[in-house]
N, C-alpha and C. Protein backbone atom coordinates (compact mmCIF):
# COMPACT_ATOMS: atom_id res chain seq x y z
N MET A 1 91.64 59.89 155.59
CA MET A 1 90.78 60.61 154.83
C MET A 1 90.08 59.38 153.92
N CYS A 2 88.88 59.83 153.75
CA CYS A 2 88.02 59.14 153.16
C CYS A 2 87.73 59.04 151.99
N ASP A 3 87.08 58.12 151.39
CA ASP A 3 87.09 57.90 149.88
C ASP A 3 86.00 59.12 149.42
N ILE A 4 86.58 59.50 148.34
CA ILE A 4 85.72 60.60 147.24
C ILE A 4 84.70 59.89 147.02
N ARG A 5 84.38 58.60 146.64
CA ARG A 5 83.04 57.93 146.52
C ARG A 5 81.99 58.65 147.20
N PHE A 6 82.13 58.67 148.48
CA PHE A 6 81.22 58.96 149.54
C PHE A 6 80.38 60.29 148.80
N PHE A 7 81.36 61.15 147.98
CA PHE A 7 80.71 62.46 147.95
C PHE A 7 79.54 62.20 146.40
N LYS A 8 80.61 61.70 145.67
CA LYS A 8 79.88 61.19 144.53
C LYS A 8 78.55 60.05 144.61
N SER A 9 78.47 59.39 145.67
CA SER A 9 77.16 58.58 146.00
C SER A 9 76.20 59.49 146.41
N ALA A 10 76.77 60.55 147.29
CA ALA A 10 75.47 61.67 147.66
C ALA A 10 75.22 62.24 146.70
N TYR A 11 75.97 62.48 145.54
CA TYR A 11 75.55 63.59 144.34
C TYR A 11 74.69 62.58 143.29
N HIS A 12 75.03 61.40 143.70
CA HIS A 12 74.25 60.66 142.65
C HIS A 12 72.84 60.36 143.01
N CYS A 13 72.61 60.39 144.70
CA CYS A 13 71.27 60.19 145.11
C CYS A 13 70.12 61.65 144.77
N TYR A 14 71.00 62.85 144.60
CA TYR A 14 70.33 63.64 144.22
C TYR A 14 70.03 63.86 142.34
N ASP A 15 71.03 63.06 141.77
CA ASP A 15 70.72 63.01 140.51
C ASP A 15 69.52 62.07 140.12
N VAL A 16 69.57 60.76 141.09
CA VAL A 16 68.36 60.03 141.00
C VAL A 16 66.96 60.90 141.04
N ALA A 17 66.99 61.41 142.16
CA ALA A 17 65.65 62.25 142.81
C ALA A 17 65.34 62.91 141.76
N ALA A 18 66.39 63.76 140.87
CA ALA A 18 65.64 64.92 139.90
C ALA A 18 65.25 64.11 138.67
N ASN A 19 65.87 62.82 138.10
CA ASN A 19 65.39 62.31 137.03
C ASN A 19 63.87 61.54 137.47
N LEU A 20 63.93 60.86 138.55
CA LEU A 20 62.53 60.28 138.93
C LEU A 20 61.75 61.19 138.95
N LEU A 21 62.00 62.32 139.70
CA LEU A 21 60.62 63.52 139.54
C LEU A 21 60.35 63.83 138.02
N LYS A 22 61.44 64.00 136.98
CA LYS A 22 60.94 64.38 135.77
C LYS A 22 60.27 63.14 135.20
N LEU A 23 60.55 61.75 135.32
CA LEU A 23 60.10 60.77 134.82
C LEU A 23 58.60 60.58 135.34
N TYR A 24 58.18 60.74 136.71
CA TYR A 24 57.08 60.06 137.25
C TYR A 24 56.52 61.28 138.20
N GLU A 25 56.36 62.54 137.75
CA GLU A 25 55.91 63.42 138.39
C GLU A 25 54.50 63.33 139.16
N GLN A 26 53.74 62.48 138.50
CA GLN A 26 52.15 62.43 138.83
C GLN A 26 52.10 61.09 139.69
N ASP A 27 53.10 60.26 139.87
CA ASP A 27 52.93 59.36 140.50
C ASP A 27 53.28 59.17 142.00
N GLU A 28 52.57 58.83 143.13
CA GLU A 28 52.57 59.25 144.29
C GLU A 28 53.96 58.49 145.09
N LEU A 29 53.86 57.18 144.48
CA LEU A 29 54.82 56.19 144.98
C LEU A 29 56.18 56.65 144.61
N TYR A 30 56.19 57.32 143.51
CA TYR A 30 57.49 57.81 143.00
C TYR A 30 57.91 59.00 143.74
N LEU A 31 56.96 59.93 143.75
CA LEU A 31 57.26 61.22 144.88
C LEU A 31 58.17 60.71 145.89
N ASN A 32 57.44 59.67 146.50
CA ASN A 32 58.05 59.11 147.65
C ASN A 32 59.54 58.84 147.85
N ASP A 33 59.85 58.00 146.49
CA ASP A 33 61.32 57.87 146.08
C ASP A 33 62.03 58.97 146.07
N VAL A 34 61.38 60.08 145.35
CA VAL A 34 62.45 61.35 145.45
C VAL A 34 62.86 62.00 146.47
N ALA A 35 61.61 61.74 147.59
CA ALA A 35 61.82 62.27 148.74
C ALA A 35 62.99 61.25 149.62
N TYR A 36 62.78 60.35 149.56
CA TYR A 36 63.88 59.26 150.04
C TYR A 36 65.39 59.50 149.63
N ASN A 37 65.55 59.88 148.17
CA ASN A 37 66.67 59.85 147.62
C ASN A 37 67.45 61.38 147.75
N LEU A 38 66.51 62.24 148.26
CA LEU A 38 66.86 63.81 148.63
C LEU A 38 67.51 63.62 150.39
N GLN A 39 66.63 62.67 150.92
CA GLN A 39 67.35 62.63 152.19
C GLN A 39 68.55 62.02 152.52
N GLN A 40 68.78 60.66 151.34
CA GLN A 40 70.14 60.12 151.30
C GLN A 40 70.88 61.06 150.81
N CYS A 41 71.06 61.82 150.12
CA CYS A 41 71.98 62.89 149.42
C CYS A 41 72.35 63.83 150.74
N ILE A 42 71.78 64.09 151.42
CA ILE A 42 71.85 65.13 152.76
C ILE A 42 72.46 64.35 153.66
N GLU A 43 72.00 63.21 153.86
CA GLU A 43 72.56 62.25 155.07
C GLU A 43 73.98 61.83 154.37
N LYS A 44 74.26 61.36 153.27
CA LYS A 44 75.69 60.97 152.67
C LYS A 44 76.43 62.19 152.57
N THR A 45 75.66 63.44 152.60
CA THR A 45 77.06 64.34 152.51
C THR A 45 77.20 64.85 153.54
N LEU A 46 76.32 65.19 154.42
CA LEU A 46 76.86 65.28 155.75
C LEU A 46 78.04 64.28 156.36
N LYS A 47 77.90 63.00 156.28
CA LYS A 47 78.78 61.60 156.46
C LYS A 47 79.81 62.05 155.80
N ALA A 48 79.87 62.33 154.63
CA ALA A 48 81.44 62.49 153.41
C ALA A 48 82.01 63.44 154.11
N PHE A 49 81.75 64.77 154.52
CA PHE A 49 82.29 65.64 155.13
C PHE A 49 82.74 65.57 156.69
N LEU A 50 81.92 64.78 157.38
CA LEU A 50 82.66 64.10 158.73
C LEU A 50 83.58 63.21 158.56
N GLU A 51 83.70 62.48 157.72
CA GLU A 51 84.67 61.33 157.38
C GLU A 51 85.50 61.99 157.11
N TYR A 52 85.80 63.22 156.13
CA TYR A 52 87.15 63.83 156.20
C TYR A 52 87.49 64.59 157.37
N ARG A 53 86.76 64.81 158.42
CA ARG A 53 87.46 65.36 159.40
C ARG A 53 87.85 64.31 160.34
N GLY A 54 87.78 63.18 159.87
CA GLY A 54 88.31 61.92 160.74
C GLY A 54 87.38 61.60 161.71
N VAL A 55 86.11 61.96 161.45
CA VAL A 55 85.00 61.28 162.42
C VAL A 55 84.36 60.25 161.96
N THR A 56 84.49 58.98 162.72
CA THR A 56 83.58 58.15 162.55
C THR A 56 82.58 58.20 162.90
N VAL A 57 81.36 57.76 161.58
CA VAL A 57 80.04 57.98 161.72
C VAL A 57 79.19 56.82 162.02
N LEU A 58 78.73 56.48 163.13
CA LEU A 58 78.02 55.12 163.35
C LEU A 58 76.91 55.26 162.60
N GLN A 59 76.15 54.15 162.14
CA GLN A 59 75.15 53.91 161.30
C GLN A 59 73.98 54.68 162.17
N THR A 60 73.71 55.52 161.02
CA THR A 60 72.54 56.43 161.83
C THR A 60 71.96 57.12 160.45
N HIS A 61 70.51 57.50 160.48
CA HIS A 61 69.80 58.17 159.19
C HIS A 61 69.51 59.25 160.23
N SER A 62 70.03 59.83 161.12
CA SER A 62 69.36 60.86 161.79
C SER A 62 70.00 62.22 161.15
N ILE A 63 69.17 63.22 160.65
CA ILE A 63 69.55 64.36 160.13
C ILE A 63 70.18 65.35 161.27
N ARG A 64 69.29 65.14 162.13
CA ARG A 64 69.38 65.79 163.38
C ARG A 64 71.05 65.55 163.98
N LYS A 65 71.33 64.11 164.21
CA LYS A 65 72.27 64.09 164.70
C LYS A 65 73.71 64.19 164.22
N LEU A 66 73.45 63.95 162.77
CA LEU A 66 74.44 64.41 161.81
C LEU A 66 74.76 66.03 161.70
N ILE A 67 73.63 67.06 161.90
CA ILE A 67 73.75 68.02 161.97
C ILE A 67 74.86 68.60 163.05
N SER A 68 74.38 67.96 164.30
CA SER A 68 74.82 68.13 165.39
C SER A 68 76.25 67.84 165.54
N MET A 69 76.85 66.29 164.94
CA MET A 69 78.23 65.91 164.89
C MET A 69 79.07 67.06 163.94
N SER A 70 78.41 67.30 163.02
CA SER A 70 78.96 68.25 162.19
C SER A 70 79.21 69.71 162.94
N LYS A 71 78.57 69.94 163.55
CA LYS A 71 78.81 71.29 164.25
C LYS A 71 79.84 71.02 165.31
N ASN A 72 79.87 69.94 165.94
CA ASN A 72 80.50 69.83 167.37
C ASN A 72 81.90 69.25 167.13
N ASN A 73 82.20 68.86 165.77
CA ASN A 73 83.26 68.12 165.07
C ASN A 73 83.97 69.37 164.12
N GLY A 74 83.79 70.28 163.93
CA GLY A 74 84.50 71.11 162.86
C GLY A 74 84.28 70.70 161.59
N SER A 75 83.40 70.13 161.29
CA SER A 75 83.14 69.83 159.64
C SER A 75 82.83 71.40 158.72
N VAL A 76 83.51 71.04 157.70
CA VAL A 76 83.35 72.39 156.91
C VAL A 76 82.12 72.52 155.91
N ILE A 77 81.55 71.58 156.25
CA ILE A 77 80.16 71.53 155.29
C ILE A 77 79.15 72.64 155.74
N ILE A 78 78.91 73.42 154.97
CA ILE A 78 77.86 74.69 155.02
C ILE A 78 76.57 73.95 154.75
N ILE A 79 75.68 74.25 156.15
CA ILE A 79 74.30 73.51 156.22
C ILE A 79 73.53 74.56 155.91
N THR A 80 72.55 74.48 154.98
CA THR A 80 71.62 75.61 154.75
C THR A 80 70.40 75.91 155.75
N ASP A 81 70.06 77.08 155.90
CA ASP A 81 69.15 77.37 156.56
C ASP A 81 67.66 76.28 156.29
N TRP A 82 67.55 76.04 155.36
CA TRP A 82 66.47 75.27 154.99
C TRP A 82 66.26 73.77 155.56
N ILE A 83 67.83 73.33 155.50
CA ILE A 83 67.84 71.94 155.67
C ILE A 83 68.03 71.93 157.69
N ILE A 84 68.18 72.70 158.01
CA ILE A 84 68.12 72.91 159.65
C ILE A 84 66.66 73.32 159.85
N GLN A 85 65.96 73.92 159.61
CA GLN A 85 64.59 74.09 159.81
C GLN A 85 63.91 72.87 159.45
N ASN A 86 64.15 72.32 158.26
CA ASN A 86 63.30 71.00 157.78
C ASN A 86 63.97 69.79 158.55
N GLN A 87 65.13 69.71 159.19
CA GLN A 87 65.61 68.53 159.79
C GLN A 87 64.76 67.62 159.94
N TYR A 88 63.90 67.61 161.11
CA TYR A 88 62.75 66.43 161.38
C TYR A 88 62.14 65.96 160.37
N GLU A 89 61.70 66.81 159.43
CA GLU A 89 60.85 66.44 158.37
C GLU A 89 61.22 65.37 157.56
N ILE A 90 63.07 66.05 156.69
CA ILE A 90 63.45 65.19 155.90
C ILE A 90 64.19 63.95 156.75
N GLU A 91 64.30 63.77 157.84
CA GLU A 91 64.54 62.46 158.54
C GLU A 91 63.36 61.50 158.46
N THR A 92 62.06 61.98 158.28
CA THR A 92 61.10 60.98 158.15
C THR A 92 61.05 60.51 156.53
N TRP A 93 61.69 61.11 155.62
CA TRP A 93 61.78 60.74 154.42
C TRP A 93 62.39 59.50 154.12
N GLU A 94 63.49 59.31 155.24
CA GLU A 94 64.05 58.11 154.85
C GLU A 94 63.56 56.66 155.00
N ALA A 95 62.44 56.56 156.13
CA ALA A 95 61.72 55.31 156.39
C ALA A 95 60.44 55.65 156.12
N ASP A 96 59.62 56.30 156.61
CA ASP A 96 58.36 56.67 156.46
C ASP A 96 57.90 56.79 155.07
N THR A 97 58.61 57.45 153.92
CA THR A 97 58.13 57.36 152.67
C THR A 97 58.33 55.90 152.00
N ARG A 98 59.27 55.03 152.63
CA ARG A 98 59.51 53.97 151.79
C ARG A 98 58.66 52.91 152.47
N TYR A 99 58.22 52.78 153.52
CA TYR A 99 57.36 51.41 154.26
C TYR A 99 56.09 51.98 154.70
N ASN A 100 55.66 53.05 154.39
CA ASN A 100 54.16 53.55 154.86
C ASN A 100 53.66 54.11 153.51
N PHE A 101 52.86 53.16 152.68
CA PHE A 101 52.15 53.34 151.72
C PHE A 101 51.13 54.63 151.64
N ASP A 102 50.58 54.70 153.16
CA ASP A 102 49.63 55.47 153.41
C ASP A 102 50.22 57.31 153.17
N ILE A 103 51.17 57.40 153.33
CA ILE A 103 52.33 58.86 153.36
C ILE A 103 52.24 58.97 151.76
N SER A 104 51.73 60.22 151.67
CA SER A 104 52.09 60.75 150.50
C SER A 104 52.43 62.19 150.34
N LEU A 105 53.66 62.56 149.90
CA LEU A 105 54.17 63.95 149.83
C LEU A 105 53.65 64.62 148.98
N GLU A 106 53.15 66.17 148.97
CA GLU A 106 53.00 66.95 147.97
C GLU A 106 53.83 67.12 147.07
N LEU A 107 53.50 67.42 145.92
CA LEU A 107 54.40 67.61 144.63
C LEU A 107 55.13 69.15 145.09
N GLY A 108 54.36 70.04 145.23
CA GLY A 108 54.89 71.29 145.71
C GLY A 108 56.09 71.13 146.50
N ARG A 109 56.04 70.21 147.69
CA ARG A 109 56.77 70.32 148.88
C ARG A 109 58.24 69.29 148.07
N ILE A 110 57.87 68.40 147.26
CA ILE A 110 58.97 67.77 146.75
C ILE A 110 59.85 68.62 146.00
N ARG A 111 59.28 69.30 145.04
CA ARG A 111 59.78 70.32 144.42
C ARG A 111 60.78 71.15 145.04
N GLN A 112 60.08 71.74 145.84
CA GLN A 112 61.04 72.85 146.87
C GLN A 112 62.12 71.93 147.48
N GLY A 113 62.19 70.85 147.97
CA GLY A 113 63.26 69.85 148.49
C GLY A 113 64.19 69.74 147.46
N LEU A 114 63.77 69.39 146.26
CA LEU A 114 64.84 69.26 145.11
C LEU A 114 65.50 70.45 144.67
N GLU A 115 64.84 71.77 144.71
CA GLU A 115 65.70 73.09 144.68
C GLU A 115 66.55 73.21 145.84
N GLU A 116 66.08 73.21 147.09
CA GLU A 116 66.81 73.48 148.34
C GLU A 116 68.09 72.42 148.40
N VAL A 117 67.94 71.24 148.09
CA VAL A 117 69.03 69.96 148.23
C VAL A 117 69.89 70.55 147.25
N LYS A 118 69.37 70.99 146.14
CA LYS A 118 70.57 71.25 144.71
C LYS A 118 71.27 72.66 145.34
N SER A 119 70.91 73.87 146.14
CA SER A 119 71.46 74.79 146.49
C SER A 119 72.45 74.41 147.72
N PHE A 120 71.85 73.38 148.53
CA PHE A 120 72.89 72.74 149.45
C PHE A 120 74.17 72.42 148.78
N LEU A 121 74.08 71.42 147.81
CA LEU A 121 74.93 70.80 147.18
C LEU A 121 76.11 72.13 146.43
N ASP A 122 75.19 72.94 145.53
CA ASP A 122 76.08 74.05 144.99
C ASP A 122 76.63 74.64 145.90
N ILE A 123 76.27 75.03 147.11
CA ILE A 123 76.86 76.01 148.08
C ILE A 123 78.14 75.06 148.73
N ASN A 124 78.18 74.03 148.71
CA ASN A 124 79.26 72.92 149.03
C ASN A 124 80.03 72.71 147.67
N HIS A 125 80.25 73.04 146.66
CA HIS A 125 80.54 72.95 145.63
C HIS A 125 80.51 71.43 144.91
N MET A 126 79.52 70.91 145.37
CA MET A 126 79.38 69.60 145.01
C MET A 126 78.78 69.78 143.28
N SER A 127 79.47 69.74 142.56
CA SER A 127 78.96 69.74 141.07
C SER A 127 80.02 69.55 140.04
N ASP A 128 79.40 69.19 138.87
CA ASP A 128 80.37 68.59 137.74
C ASP A 128 81.02 69.82 137.16
N LYS A 129 80.51 71.18 137.69
CA LYS A 129 81.14 72.13 136.93
C LYS A 129 81.88 73.01 137.75
N LEU A 130 83.50 73.18 137.23
CA LEU A 130 84.34 73.45 137.95
C LEU A 130 84.30 74.72 138.65
N ASN A 131 84.45 74.81 140.14
CA ASN A 131 84.41 75.71 140.60
C ASN A 131 85.43 77.17 140.03
N PRO A 132 85.03 78.36 139.68
CA PRO A 132 85.91 79.41 139.29
C PRO A 132 86.85 79.85 139.84
N GLU A 133 86.81 79.50 141.41
CA GLU A 133 87.93 79.77 142.31
C GLU A 133 89.19 78.91 141.93
N LEU A 134 89.11 77.55 141.13
CA LEU A 134 90.24 76.49 141.14
C LEU A 134 90.64 77.24 140.00
N THR A 135 91.45 78.02 140.00
CA THR A 135 92.56 78.45 138.92
C THR A 135 93.99 77.29 139.08
N GLU A 136 94.51 77.30 137.74
CA GLU A 136 95.57 76.26 137.97
C GLU A 136 96.36 76.80 139.00
N GLU A 137 96.79 78.10 139.39
CA GLU A 137 97.74 78.20 140.70
C GLU A 137 97.24 77.81 141.97
N MET A 138 95.25 77.81 142.13
CA MET A 138 94.91 77.34 143.04
C MET A 138 94.63 75.74 143.09
N LYS A 139 94.95 75.12 142.17
CA LYS A 139 95.24 73.78 142.33
C LYS A 139 96.59 73.05 142.34
N GLU A 140 97.23 74.12 142.13
CA GLU A 140 98.59 73.66 142.41
C GLU A 140 98.71 73.78 144.24
N LYS A 141 98.18 74.89 144.60
CA LYS A 141 98.26 75.15 146.19
C LYS A 141 97.16 73.76 146.69
N LEU A 142 96.22 73.56 146.05
CA LEU A 142 95.48 72.53 147.14
C LEU A 142 96.36 71.00 146.90
N ARG A 143 97.12 70.92 145.90
CA ARG A 143 97.54 69.58 145.65
C ARG A 143 98.77 69.43 146.79
N THR A 144 99.30 70.55 147.28
CA THR A 144 100.26 70.58 148.51
C THR A 144 99.77 69.92 149.57
N LYS A 145 97.94 69.76 149.65
CA LYS A 145 97.42 69.67 151.05
C LYS A 145 97.02 68.05 151.04
N MET A 146 97.20 67.42 149.73
CA MET A 146 96.50 65.97 149.53
C MET A 146 97.83 65.09 149.44
N PRO A 147 97.58 63.88 149.68
CA PRO A 147 98.43 63.13 149.39
C PRO A 147 99.33 62.92 148.23
N LYS A 148 100.77 62.65 148.01
CA LYS A 148 101.20 63.01 146.79
C LYS A 148 100.65 61.85 145.29
N ASN A 149 100.40 60.45 145.80
CA ASN A 149 99.69 59.51 145.04
C ASN A 149 98.31 59.73 144.46
N LEU A 150 97.41 60.91 145.18
CA LEU A 150 96.24 60.94 144.92
C LEU A 150 95.91 61.68 143.21
N VAL A 151 95.36 60.78 142.74
CA VAL A 151 94.80 61.39 141.37
C VAL A 151 93.55 61.86 141.43
N ILE A 152 93.41 62.94 140.81
CA ILE A 152 92.09 63.55 140.37
C ILE A 152 91.57 63.56 139.35
N HIS A 153 90.09 62.93 139.41
CA HIS A 153 89.77 62.62 137.95
C HIS A 153 88.81 63.32 137.44
N ASP A 154 88.34 64.37 138.02
CA ASP A 154 87.31 65.08 137.32
C ASP A 154 86.93 66.44 137.64
N ASN A 155 86.23 67.32 137.43
CA ASN A 155 86.14 68.70 138.16
C ASN A 155 85.19 68.64 139.51
N PHE A 156 84.38 67.56 139.44
CA PHE A 156 83.45 67.00 140.76
C PHE A 156 84.36 66.73 141.88
N GLU A 157 85.54 65.94 141.47
CA GLU A 157 86.71 65.97 142.63
C GLU A 157 87.34 67.04 143.19
N TRP A 158 87.65 67.89 142.14
CA TRP A 158 88.46 69.28 142.42
C TRP A 158 87.58 69.55 143.44
N ASN A 159 86.42 70.12 142.88
CA ASN A 159 85.57 70.83 143.82
C ASN A 159 85.21 70.03 145.20
N CYS A 160 85.24 69.03 145.11
CA CYS A 160 85.00 68.23 146.60
C CYS A 160 85.95 68.68 147.32
N TYR A 161 87.60 68.40 147.02
CA TYR A 161 88.68 68.66 147.66
C TYR A 161 88.72 70.00 148.18
N TYR A 162 88.71 70.92 147.24
CA TYR A 162 88.63 72.60 147.42
C TYR A 162 87.79 72.81 148.39
N SER A 163 86.26 72.37 148.36
CA SER A 163 85.65 72.39 149.71
C SER A 163 86.25 72.05 150.98
N ILE A 164 86.72 70.86 151.20
CA ILE A 164 87.15 70.15 152.25
C ILE A 164 88.75 70.94 152.59
N PHE A 165 89.35 71.21 151.79
CA PHE A 165 90.59 72.10 152.06
C PHE A 165 90.78 73.49 152.09
N LYS A 166 89.56 74.02 151.86
CA LYS A 166 89.81 75.64 151.34
C LYS A 166 89.95 76.49 152.48
N LYS A 167 90.03 76.46 153.88
CA LYS A 167 90.01 77.02 155.02
C LYS A 167 91.60 76.82 154.97
N GLN A 168 92.27 75.85 154.79
CA GLN A 168 93.77 75.79 154.90
C GLN A 168 94.34 76.38 153.86
N LEU A 169 93.68 76.38 152.77
CA LEU A 169 94.54 76.98 151.44
C LEU A 169 94.77 78.60 151.74
N TYR A 170 94.10 79.23 152.71
CA TYR A 170 93.91 80.59 153.04
C TYR A 170 94.59 80.83 154.51
N LEU A 171 95.02 80.08 155.18
CA LEU A 171 95.97 80.58 155.94
C LEU A 171 97.34 81.16 155.98
């Protein structure tokens, strides 16, 4: 079982992107940083769900490869249509926006990316707000699927574990 901090790191990238956009909306350099952090959020989320499947993920920034690995290895992640349709562009946000200062992304595209990545996180229950499906009864059922000594610290962790084990809970 991988470390839940992979999920938190992914969410942190989204949070950084959202805050950068609020602070530096008119600065092209920072818009590129927003795009980079959105790409990192998607990449880390895909990797975190793969790690929970027991798949060792080699060092890659390829969203395309990670989507393929997710599909081929039974990852429970829900990949949105927007990510699938834009995977090649998103992939360029990792390096192109950081190292090529001649590349400048449009504000509207960045805003759309931010909204779509938030939807991706929400559909995979990566949020600080407790998923309403997680009643006390469901939490107890979920605990039976996890190591006995595991301590869950917050709603975000509950949500992530629920996403990972949801299918097993309804067997």
